[in-house]
Amino acid sequence: MATFSRFEDIEAWKLARIISNDIFKLVSSSVFDSDKRLRSQMNGSSGSVMDNTSLTAGRLLKGMREEAMQNLNSIFGYQRAHHQN
């Protein structure tokens, strides 16, 4: 099992940050000028991965394992409910 002392050390967070920055650059281009709502949604959702990773990591670092597991269950439960085929 991987260990960490800061959420910035988590590989998933690092990758989410790279992707989020790439999405920001993409939606900042003139192609998205006409749809500001879509631009906002894409920026917000890309940052959500980093937010959820850091929130869960923070709870784990504080010894709040049960709360961290509830957070993960709510994230994955939401994904299952909204992305079923």
Protein backbone atom coordinates (compact mmCIF):
# COMPACT_ATOMS: atom_id res chain seq x y z
CA MET A 1 0.00 0.00 0.00
CA ALA A 2 1.29 3.44 -0.92
CA THR A 3 1.94 5.95 1.83
CA PHE A 4 1.86 9.72 1.69
CA SER A 5 2.21 12.66 4.04
CA ARG A 6 0.68 15.31 1.75
CA PHE A 7 -2.12 14.95 -0.77
CA GLU A 8 0.17 16.56 -3.37
CA ASP A 9 2.26 13.35 -3.20
CA ILE A 10 -0.61 11.17 -4.47
CA GLU A 11 -0.11 10.13 -8.10
CA ALA A 12 -3.83 10.41 -8.88
CA TRP A 13 -3.83 14.02 -7.67
CA LYS A 14 -0.73 14.84 -9.74
CA LEU A 15 -2.31 13.38 -12.86
CA ALA A 16 -5.62 15.15 -12.18
CA ARG A 17 -3.73 18.44 -11.89
CA ILE A 18 -2.03 17.93 -15.24
CA ILE A 19 -5.34 17.05 -16.90
CA SER A 20 -7.12 19.96 -15.23
CA ASN A 21 -4.46 22.39 -16.50
CA ASP A 22 -4.75 20.93 -20.01
CA ILE A 23 -8.54 21.29 -19.93
CA PHE A 24 -8.20 24.90 -18.74
CA LYS A 25 -5.89 25.68 -21.68
CA LEU A 26 -8.26 23.98 -24.10
CA VAL A 27 -11.43 25.74 -22.95
CA SER A 28 -9.62 29.08 -22.77
CA SER A 29 -9.22 28.97 -26.54
CA SER A 30 -11.53 30.92 -28.81
CA VAL A 31 -13.43 27.75 -29.75
CA PHE A 32 -15.30 27.96 -26.44
CA ASP A 33 -16.03 31.71 -26.52
CA SER A 34 -19.63 31.18 -27.53
CA ASP A 35 -20.42 28.68 -24.76
CA LYS A 36 -19.29 30.08 -21.44
CA ARG A 37 -21.48 27.65 -19.49
CA LEU A 38 -19.80 24.62 -21.08
CA ARG A 39 -16.40 26.18 -20.40
CA SER A 40 -17.34 26.66 -16.74
CA GLN A 41 -18.67 23.11 -16.39
CA MET A 42 -15.54 21.59 -17.91
CA ASN A 43 -13.24 23.62 -15.67
CA GLY A 44 -15.30 22.79 -12.59
CA SER A 45 -15.50 19.08 -13.24
CA SER A 46 -11.79 18.77 -13.97
CA GLY A 47 -11.00 20.42 -10.63
CA SER A 48 -13.44 18.14 -8.84
CA VAL A 49 -11.08 15.17 -9.12
CA MET A 50 -8.33 17.08 -7.33
CA ASP A 51 -10.78 18.34 -4.70
CA ASN A 52 -12.13 14.88 -3.89
CA THR A 53 -8.65 13.36 -3.79
CA SER A 54 -7.35 16.01 -1.39
CA LEU A 55 -10.46 15.84 0.81
CA THR A 56 -10.22 12.07 1.17
CA ALA A 57 -6.45 12.20 1.74
CA GLY A 58 -6.87 14.88 4.39
CA ARG A 59 -9.35 12.74 6.25
CA LEU A 60 -7.05 9.73 6.08
CA LEU A 61 -4.09 11.79 7.36
CA LYS A 62 -6.18 12.98 10.31
CA GLY A 63 -7.09 9.40 11.19
CA MET A 64 -10.67 9.88 10.02
CA ARG A 65 -10.74 6.58 8.12
CA GLU A 66 -14.51 6.09 8.41
CA GLU A 67 -15.25 9.57 7.06
CA ALA A 68 -12.76 9.05 4.22
CA MET A 69 -14.45 5.78 3.27
CA GLN A 70 -17.86 7.50 3.33
CA ASN A 71 -16.47 10.16 1.01
CA LEU A 72 -15.17 7.51 -1.40
CA ASN A 73 -18.45 5.61 -1.27
CA SER A 74 -20.41 8.77 -2.08
CA ILE A 75 -18.09 9.58 -5.01
CA PHE A 76 -18.25 6.10 -6.51
CA GLY A 77 -21.95 5.73 -5.70
CA TYR A 78 -22.63 8.95 -7.59
CA GLN A 79 -20.58 7.76 -10.54
CA ARG A 80 -22.38 4.40 -10.69
CA ALA A 81 -25.79 6.05 -10.49
CA HIS A 82 -25.06 8.57 -13.23
CA HIS A 83 -22.96 6.49 -15.62
CA GLN A 84 -24.81 3.21 -15.94
CA ASN A 85 -25.39 1.84 -19.42
